[in-house]
N, C-alpha and C. Protein backbone atom coordinates (compact mmCIF):
# COMPACT_ATOMS: atom_id res chain seq x y z
N UNK A 1 -163.24 209.81 50.67
CA UNK A 1 -163.13 208.63 51.22
C UNK A 1 -161.99 208.45 51.81
N UNK A 2 -162.10 207.71 53.15
CA UNK A 2 -161.01 207.61 54.04
C UNK A 2 -160.53 206.19 53.79
N UNK A 3 -159.11 206.28 53.45
CA UNK A 3 -158.41 204.86 53.25
C UNK A 3 -157.94 204.39 54.51
N UNK A 4 -158.29 203.31 54.89
CA UNK A 4 -157.73 202.68 56.18
C UNK A 4 -156.71 201.41 55.91
N UNK A 5 -155.84 201.35 56.96
CA UNK A 5 -154.95 200.15 56.54
C UNK A 5 -155.61 198.90 56.62
N UNK A 6 -155.00 197.84 55.82
CA UNK A 6 -155.58 196.75 55.82
C UNK A 6 -155.63 196.01 57.18
N UNK A 7 -154.79 196.40 58.08
CA UNK A 7 -154.61 195.67 59.28
C UNK A 7 -155.94 195.94 60.12
N UNK A 8 -156.43 197.37 59.95
CA UNK A 8 -157.60 197.67 60.50
C UNK A 8 -158.69 197.10 60.13
N UNK A 9 -158.89 196.99 58.81
CA UNK A 9 -159.98 196.21 58.27
C UNK A 9 -160.23 194.97 58.46
N UNK A 10 -158.98 194.08 58.68
CA UNK A 10 -159.07 192.77 59.21
C UNK A 10 -159.49 192.67 60.57
N UNK A 11 -158.98 193.68 61.27
CA UNK A 11 -159.35 193.54 62.98
C UNK A 11 -160.96 193.95 63.16
N UNK A 12 -161.44 194.60 62.18
CA UNK A 12 -162.95 194.99 62.50
C UNK A 12 -163.83 193.99 62.01
N UNK A 13 -163.34 192.82 61.24
CA UNK A 13 -164.37 191.85 60.74
C UNK A 13 -164.73 190.89 61.79
N UNK A 14 -166.00 190.53 61.86
CA UNK A 14 -166.51 189.43 62.73
C UNK A 14 -165.68 188.20 62.41
N UNK A 15 -165.47 187.43 63.79
CA UNK A 15 -164.90 186.44 63.72
C UNK A 15 -165.49 185.05 62.97
N UNK A 16 -166.87 185.39 62.81
CA UNK A 16 -167.52 184.33 62.08
C UNK A 16 -167.44 184.60 60.50
N UNK A 17 -166.97 185.71 60.24
CA UNK A 17 -166.84 185.84 58.76
C UNK A 17 -165.46 185.46 58.30
N UNK A 18 -164.62 185.33 59.34
CA UNK A 18 -163.11 184.80 58.94
C UNK A 18 -162.85 183.41 58.70
N UNK A 19 -162.61 182.98 57.24
CA UNK A 19 -162.50 181.52 56.92
C UNK A 19 -161.74 180.61 58.05
N UNK A 20 -160.50 181.30 58.56
CA UNK A 20 -159.69 180.46 59.29
C UNK A 20 -160.45 180.28 60.56
N UNK A 21 -161.33 181.12 61.12
CA UNK A 21 -161.91 180.99 62.28
C UNK A 21 -163.07 180.01 62.22
N UNK A 22 -163.74 180.12 61.08
CA UNK A 22 -164.91 178.99 60.72
C UNK A 22 -164.08 177.76 60.54
N UNK A 23 -163.02 177.59 59.88
CA UNK A 23 -162.40 176.11 59.90
C UNK A 23 -161.98 175.87 61.36
N UNK A 24 -161.41 176.65 62.25
CA UNK A 24 -160.98 176.25 63.48
C UNK A 24 -162.15 175.69 64.37
N UNK A 25 -163.14 176.26 64.26
CA UNK A 25 -164.29 175.77 65.16
C UNK A 25 -165.01 174.56 64.54
N UNK A 26 -164.70 174.33 63.32
CA UNK A 26 -165.50 173.03 62.64
C UNK A 26 -164.72 171.83 62.39
N UNK A 27 -163.30 172.10 62.24
CA UNK A 27 -162.39 170.92 61.86
C UNK A 27 -161.41 170.70 62.94
N UNK A 28 -161.09 169.53 63.02
CA UNK A 28 -159.92 168.98 63.76
C UNK A 28 -158.85 168.04 63.20
N UNK A 29 -157.92 167.74 63.76
CA UNK A 29 -156.89 166.57 63.24
C UNK A 29 -157.53 165.44 63.29
N UNK A 30 -157.31 164.36 62.31
CA UNK A 30 -158.23 163.24 61.97
C UNK A 30 -159.56 163.40 61.49
N UNK A 31 -159.98 164.23 61.38
CA UNK A 31 -161.27 164.64 60.69
C UNK A 31 -161.19 164.35 59.06
N UNK A 32 -162.18 163.63 58.44
CA UNK A 32 -162.10 163.42 57.09
C UNK A 32 -162.95 164.35 56.32
N UNK A 33 -162.12 164.98 55.28
CA UNK A 33 -162.99 166.07 54.45
C UNK A 33 -163.02 165.69 53.02
N UNK A 34 -163.92 166.30 52.35
CA UNK A 34 -163.84 166.35 51.05
C UNK A 34 -163.44 167.72 50.53
N UNK A 35 -162.35 167.65 49.63
CA UNK A 35 -161.69 168.72 49.24
C UNK A 35 -161.48 168.97 47.89
N UNK A 36 -161.63 170.34 47.31
CA UNK A 36 -161.40 170.38 45.82
C UNK A 36 -160.02 170.83 45.63
N UNK A 37 -159.43 170.10 44.54
CA UNK A 37 -157.89 170.26 44.13
C UNK A 37 -158.00 171.71 43.43
N UNK A 38 -157.10 172.74 44.03
CA UNK A 38 -157.19 174.00 43.24
C UNK A 38 -155.86 174.25 42.76
N UNK A 39 -154.84 173.68 42.94
CA UNK A 39 -153.49 173.92 42.25
C UNK A 39 -152.68 172.81 42.70
N UNK A 40 -151.88 172.30 41.33
CA UNK A 40 -150.79 171.27 41.36
C UNK A 40 -149.37 171.73 41.52
N UNK A 41 -148.67 171.31 42.25
CA UNK A 41 -147.23 171.71 42.47
C UNK A 41 -146.30 170.31 42.33
N UNK A 42 -145.34 170.57 42.16
CA UNK A 42 -144.39 169.31 41.89
C UNK A 42 -144.29 168.52 43.11
N UNK A 43 -144.47 169.24 44.33
CA UNK A 43 -144.25 168.55 45.73
C UNK A 43 -145.72 168.04 46.36
N UNK A 44 -146.95 168.35 45.62
CA UNK A 44 -148.06 168.04 46.10
C UNK A 44 -149.08 168.86 45.26
N UNK A 45 -150.29 168.76 46.12
CA UNK A 45 -151.55 169.61 45.57
C UNK A 45 -152.17 170.21 46.59
N UNK A 46 -152.56 171.55 46.46
CA UNK A 46 -153.46 172.39 47.30
C UNK A 46 -154.85 172.04 46.93
N UNK A 47 -155.65 171.88 48.39
CA UNK A 47 -157.20 171.38 48.00
C UNK A 47 -157.68 172.41 48.93
N UNK A 48 -158.93 173.00 48.39
CA UNK A 48 -159.81 173.64 49.20
C UNK A 48 -161.06 173.07 49.98
N UNK A 49 -160.55 173.24 51.48
CA UNK A 49 -161.52 172.41 52.43
C UNK A 49 -162.62 173.25 52.56
N UNK A 50 -162.80 174.47 52.70
CA UNK A 50 -164.04 175.30 52.77
C UNK A 50 -163.18 176.74 52.04
N UNK A 51 -164.31 177.36 51.38
CA UNK A 51 -163.78 178.58 50.74
C UNK A 51 -162.74 179.46 51.52
N UNK A 52 -161.78 179.67 51.12
CA UNK A 52 -160.87 180.63 51.76
C UNK A 52 -159.75 179.71 52.69
N UNK A 53 -160.06 178.65 52.59
CA UNK A 53 -159.07 177.63 53.40
C UNK A 53 -158.56 176.49 52.64
N UNK A 54 -157.07 176.55 52.32
CA UNK A 54 -157.04 175.37 51.52
C UNK A 54 -155.80 174.50 52.39
N UNK A 55 -155.81 173.26 52.15
CA UNK A 55 -154.64 172.24 52.60
C UNK A 55 -153.62 171.93 51.52
N UNK A 56 -152.61 171.41 52.17
CA UNK A 56 -151.47 170.70 51.21
C UNK A 56 -151.74 169.19 51.16
N UNK A 57 -151.95 168.65 50.14
CA UNK A 57 -151.64 166.96 50.07
C UNK A 57 -150.21 166.77 49.69
N UNK A 58 -149.45 166.57 50.48
CA UNK A 58 -147.95 166.13 50.07
C UNK A 58 -147.92 164.99 49.02
N UNK A 59 -146.99 164.88 48.03
CA UNK A 59 -147.02 164.06 47.00
C UNK A 59 -147.01 162.53 47.50
N UNK A 60 -146.40 162.58 48.94
CA UNK A 60 -146.17 160.83 49.45
C UNK A 60 -147.64 160.73 50.16
N UNK A 61 -148.41 161.51 50.23
CA UNK A 61 -149.71 161.40 51.06
C UNK A 61 -150.97 161.27 50.07
N UNK A 62 -150.57 161.12 48.63
CA UNK A 62 -151.71 160.95 47.66
C UNK A 62 -152.11 159.68 47.44
N UNK A 63 -151.44 158.87 47.39
CA UNK A 63 -151.63 157.16 47.02
C UNK A 63 -150.63 156.40 47.88
N UNK A 64 -150.98 155.24 48.07
CA UNK A 64 -150.17 154.20 49.09
C UNK A 64 -148.91 153.81 48.18
N UNK A 65 -148.98 153.72 46.67
CA UNK A 65 -148.01 153.48 45.93
C UNK A 65 -147.26 154.73 45.61
N UNK A 66 -145.91 154.40 45.07
CA UNK A 66 -145.03 155.73 44.84
C UNK A 66 -145.66 156.32 43.39
N UNK A 67 -145.90 157.61 43.61
CA UNK A 67 -146.02 158.27 42.10
C UNK A 67 -144.98 159.37 41.80
N UNK A 68 -144.81 159.42 40.43
CA UNK A 68 -143.57 160.32 40.01
C UNK A 68 -144.09 161.62 39.90
N UNK A 69 -145.45 161.92 39.50
CA UNK A 69 -145.84 163.14 39.18
C UNK A 69 -147.39 163.22 39.89
N UNK A 70 -147.51 164.67 40.48
CA UNK A 70 -148.85 164.73 41.19
C UNK A 70 -150.00 164.65 40.06
N UNK A 71 -149.46 165.09 38.74
CA UNK A 71 -150.57 164.97 37.65
C UNK A 71 -150.98 163.64 37.25
N UNK A 72 -150.24 162.77 37.82
CA UNK A 72 -150.34 161.22 37.44
C UNK A 72 -151.65 160.89 38.07
N UNK A 73 -152.11 161.34 39.11
CA UNK A 73 -153.04 160.94 39.97
C UNK A 73 -154.23 162.11 40.18
N UNK A 74 -154.03 163.55 40.15
CA UNK A 74 -155.10 164.57 40.33
C UNK A 74 -154.84 165.52 39.18
N UNK A 75 -156.03 166.18 39.09
CA UNK A 75 -156.02 167.21 38.09
C UNK A 75 -156.91 168.32 38.84
N UNK A 76 -156.56 169.60 38.66
CA UNK A 76 -157.34 170.62 39.09
C UNK A 76 -158.85 170.32 38.93
N UNK A 77 -159.55 170.78 40.04
CA UNK A 77 -161.15 170.59 40.00
C UNK A 77 -161.64 168.98 40.61
N UNK A 78 -160.61 168.17 40.75
CA UNK A 78 -161.08 166.79 41.45
C UNK A 78 -161.37 167.34 42.86
N UNK A 79 -162.34 166.52 43.10
CA UNK A 79 -162.90 166.56 44.68
C UNK A 79 -162.47 165.14 45.24
N UNK A 80 -161.67 165.49 46.42
CA UNK A 80 -160.91 164.21 46.86
C UNK A 80 -161.39 164.02 48.27
N UNK A 81 -161.34 162.65 48.82
CA UNK A 81 -161.44 162.62 50.16
C UNK A 81 -159.84 162.47 50.92
N UNK A 82 -159.77 163.36 52.09
CA UNK A 82 -158.78 163.25 52.73
C UNK A 82 -158.90 163.44 54.26
N UNK A 83 -157.96 163.12 54.94
CA UNK A 83 -157.99 163.06 56.22
C UNK A 83 -156.97 164.33 56.73
N UNK A 84 -157.18 165.05 57.69
CA UNK A 84 -156.71 166.13 58.24
C UNK A 84 -155.64 165.51 59.25
N UNK A 85 -154.16 165.62 58.93
CA UNK A 85 -153.17 164.93 59.58
C UNK A 85 -152.38 166.16 60.39
N UNK A 86 -152.17 167.25 60.11
CA UNK A 86 -151.79 168.22 60.94
C UNK A 86 -152.25 169.60 60.63
N UNK A 87 -152.50 170.38 61.92
CA UNK A 87 -152.84 171.80 61.81
C UNK A 87 -151.75 172.73 62.57
N UNK A 88 -151.10 173.45 61.73
CA UNK A 88 -150.06 174.64 62.21
C UNK A 88 -150.63 175.87 62.26
N UNK A 89 -151.27 176.08 63.59
CA UNK A 89 -152.20 177.51 63.58
C UNK A 89 -151.30 178.43 63.49
N UNK A 90 -150.08 178.54 64.05
CA UNK A 90 -149.11 179.48 64.07
C UNK A 90 -148.65 180.09 62.55
N UNK A 91 -148.55 178.89 61.47
CA UNK A 91 -148.24 179.28 60.25
C UNK A 91 -149.47 179.30 59.44
N UNK A 92 -150.46 178.98 60.10
CA UNK A 92 -151.82 178.64 59.11
C UNK A 92 -151.71 177.76 58.06
N UNK A 93 -151.14 176.58 58.39
CA UNK A 93 -151.08 175.57 57.42
C UNK A 93 -151.84 174.14 57.83
N UNK A 94 -152.37 173.73 56.81
CA UNK A 94 -153.10 172.38 57.22
C UNK A 94 -152.44 171.23 56.25
N UNK A 95 -152.43 170.26 56.84
CA UNK A 95 -151.62 169.05 56.01
C UNK A 95 -152.71 168.03 55.88
N UNK A 96 -153.05 167.52 54.60
CA UNK A 96 -154.04 166.55 54.22
C UNK A 96 -153.19 165.28 53.88
N UNK A 97 -154.17 164.19 53.82
CA UNK A 97 -153.48 163.05 53.35
C UNK A 97 -154.71 162.20 52.85
N UNK A 98 -154.69 161.94 51.57
CA UNK A 98 -155.81 160.97 50.94
C UNK A 98 -155.22 159.54 51.03
N UNK A 99 -154.14 159.33 51.50
CA UNK A 99 -153.57 157.93 51.73
C UNK A 99 -154.12 157.71 52.96
N UNK A 100 -154.18 158.48 53.94
CA UNK A 100 -154.63 157.97 55.36
C UNK A 100 -156.22 158.01 55.41
N UNK A 101 -156.70 158.45 54.50
CA UNK A 101 -158.33 158.45 54.46
C UNK A 101 -158.90 157.29 53.76
N UNK A 102 -157.90 156.38 53.11
CA UNK A 102 -158.44 154.94 52.58
C UNK A 102 -158.60 154.12 53.56
N UNK A 103 -160.00 153.47 53.38
CA UNK A 103 -160.19 152.24 54.26
C UNK A 103 -159.14 151.26 54.46
N UNK A 104 -159.08 150.95 55.62
CA UNK A 104 -158.11 149.88 55.97
C UNK A 104 -158.51 148.44 55.67
N UNK A 105 -158.70 148.07 54.53
CA UNK A 105 -159.36 146.69 54.43
C UNK A 105 -158.24 145.67 54.65
N UNK A 106 -157.15 145.73 54.44
CA UNK A 106 -155.95 144.83 54.67
C UNK A 106 -156.07 144.61 56.14
N UNK A 107 -156.25 145.35 56.98
CA UNK A 107 -156.22 145.05 58.49
C UNK A 107 -157.55 144.31 59.06
N UNK A 108 -158.47 144.63 58.36
CA UNK A 108 -159.86 144.07 58.80
C UNK A 108 -159.93 142.51 58.79
N UNK A 109 -159.71 141.86 58.01
CA UNK A 109 -159.82 140.40 57.81
C UNK A 109 -158.64 139.56 57.51
N UNK A 110 -157.44 139.79 58.40
CA UNK A 110 -156.34 139.06 58.00
C UNK A 110 -156.43 137.68 58.08
N UNK A 111 -157.19 136.94 59.02
CA UNK A 111 -157.41 135.76 59.06
C UNK A 111 -158.41 135.18 57.84
N UNK A 112 -159.23 135.89 57.45
CA UNK A 112 -159.91 135.30 56.33
C UNK A 112 -159.03 135.19 55.09
N UNK A 113 -158.21 136.31 55.04
CA UNK A 113 -157.24 136.31 53.91
C UNK A 113 -156.41 135.03 53.66
N UNK A 114 -155.93 134.77 55.02
CA UNK A 114 -154.87 133.50 54.97
C UNK A 114 -155.64 132.20 54.68
N UNK A 115 -157.11 132.12 55.14
CA UNK A 115 -157.69 130.90 54.93
C UNK A 115 -158.04 130.85 53.36
N UNK A 116 -158.23 131.90 52.64
CA UNK A 116 -158.51 131.98 51.38
C UNK A 116 -157.35 131.74 50.49
N UNK A 117 -156.26 131.34 50.98
CA UNK A 117 -155.10 131.15 50.03
C UNK A 117 -155.01 129.73 49.49
N UNK A 118 -154.97 129.64 48.27
CA UNK A 118 -154.92 128.19 47.60
C UNK A 118 -153.53 128.03 47.13
N UNK A 119 -152.69 126.90 47.29
CA UNK A 119 -151.58 126.69 46.71
C UNK A 119 -151.66 125.44 45.64
N UNK A 120 -151.15 125.98 44.66
CA UNK A 120 -150.82 124.82 43.61
C UNK A 120 -149.90 123.85 43.84
N UNK A 121 -149.98 122.87 44.81
CA UNK A 121 -149.05 122.03 45.19
C UNK A 121 -149.69 120.63 45.87
N UNK A 122 -149.06 119.58 45.33
CA UNK A 122 -149.70 118.36 45.78
C UNK A 122 -149.33 117.94 47.10
N UNK A 123 -148.32 118.54 47.69
CA UNK A 123 -147.95 118.28 49.19
C UNK A 123 -148.78 119.02 49.82
N UNK A 124 -149.82 118.26 50.63
CA UNK A 124 -150.58 119.06 51.31
C UNK A 124 -150.12 119.22 52.94
N UNK A 125 -149.04 118.60 53.26
CA UNK A 125 -148.30 118.83 54.48
C UNK A 125 -147.67 120.39 54.46
N UNK A 126 -147.14 120.55 53.13
CA UNK A 126 -146.32 122.00 52.66
C UNK A 126 -147.54 123.06 52.88
N UNK A 127 -148.52 122.59 52.30
CA UNK A 127 -149.67 123.87 52.32
C UNK A 127 -150.10 124.12 53.57
N UNK A 128 -150.20 123.07 54.48
CA UNK A 128 -150.60 123.06 55.94
C UNK A 128 -149.72 124.01 56.60
N UNK A 129 -148.40 123.73 56.47
CA UNK A 129 -147.52 124.49 57.18
C UNK A 129 -147.34 125.85 56.83
N UNK A 130 -147.50 126.08 55.46
CA UNK A 130 -147.43 127.40 54.88
C UNK A 130 -148.70 128.16 55.53
N UNK A 131 -149.86 127.58 55.74
CA UNK A 131 -151.08 128.33 56.03
C UNK A 131 -150.76 128.82 57.63
N UNK A 132 -150.09 127.66 58.31
CA UNK A 132 -149.92 128.10 59.69
C UNK A 132 -148.99 129.21 59.83
N UNK A 133 -147.97 129.34 58.87
CA UNK A 133 -146.97 130.28 59.18
C UNK A 133 -147.66 131.62 58.72
N UNK A 134 -148.43 131.67 57.75
CA UNK A 134 -149.20 132.95 57.53
C UNK A 134 -150.06 133.61 58.75
N UNK A 135 -150.62 132.59 59.13
CA UNK A 135 -151.71 132.90 60.69
C UNK A 135 -150.63 133.52 61.60
N UNK A 136 -149.38 133.03 61.77
CA UNK A 136 -148.52 133.31 62.79
C UNK A 136 -148.10 134.97 63.16
N UNK A 137 -148.45 135.57 64.24
CA UNK A 137 -147.95 136.73 64.38
C UNK A 137 -146.68 137.08 64.02
N UNK A 138 -145.96 136.08 64.44
CA UNK A 138 -144.12 136.43 64.13
C UNK A 138 -144.08 136.56 62.79
N UNK A 139 -144.59 135.51 61.87
CA UNK A 139 -144.44 135.96 60.49
C UNK A 139 -144.73 137.08 59.77
N UNK A 140 -145.95 137.78 60.32
CA UNK A 140 -146.35 139.18 59.80
C UNK A 140 -145.25 140.28 60.21
N UNK A 141 -144.48 140.18 61.57
CA UNK A 141 -143.66 141.35 61.93
C UNK A 141 -142.27 140.92 61.27
N UNK A 142 -141.98 139.78 60.56
CA UNK A 142 -140.54 139.54 60.05
C UNK A 142 -140.83 139.48 58.50
N UNK A 143 -141.96 139.61 57.91
CA UNK A 143 -142.36 139.47 56.52
C UNK A 143 -142.08 138.24 56.07
N UNK A 144 -142.23 137.29 56.68
CA UNK A 144 -142.04 135.79 56.31
C UNK A 144 -143.37 135.36 55.60
N UNK A 145 -143.16 134.81 54.36
CA UNK A 145 -144.19 134.37 53.68
C UNK A 145 -144.14 133.06 53.14
């Protein structure tokens, strides 16, 4: 039996058999994928996008709110929906974000939300002014409520 170096073996494989090449052909930045959590770390979780190709979900990209530990939200074996936010082909690294894959319900109907606000006040004029402030684009930028 002739033993060949690993570099030779990987060079003789067909491109369609290489998981990275399969990933490169099918997926791009901003694509939404279902990935299976395969390993939890202090700084995030690795999730398998396709067999042989994992991406990192950094702890700051798991949820919109701050979480102390990755295990507070995820466990090995969970299947999560994530957005591909970066691909570094030179280092074969894929960055995923569960947070970016969430529906942006807050931005969809801002005016409807402002119209549905009810105040427990007898002063109708104060309520009317408050509602006008909520609808104002300036108040959204400055955080005025």
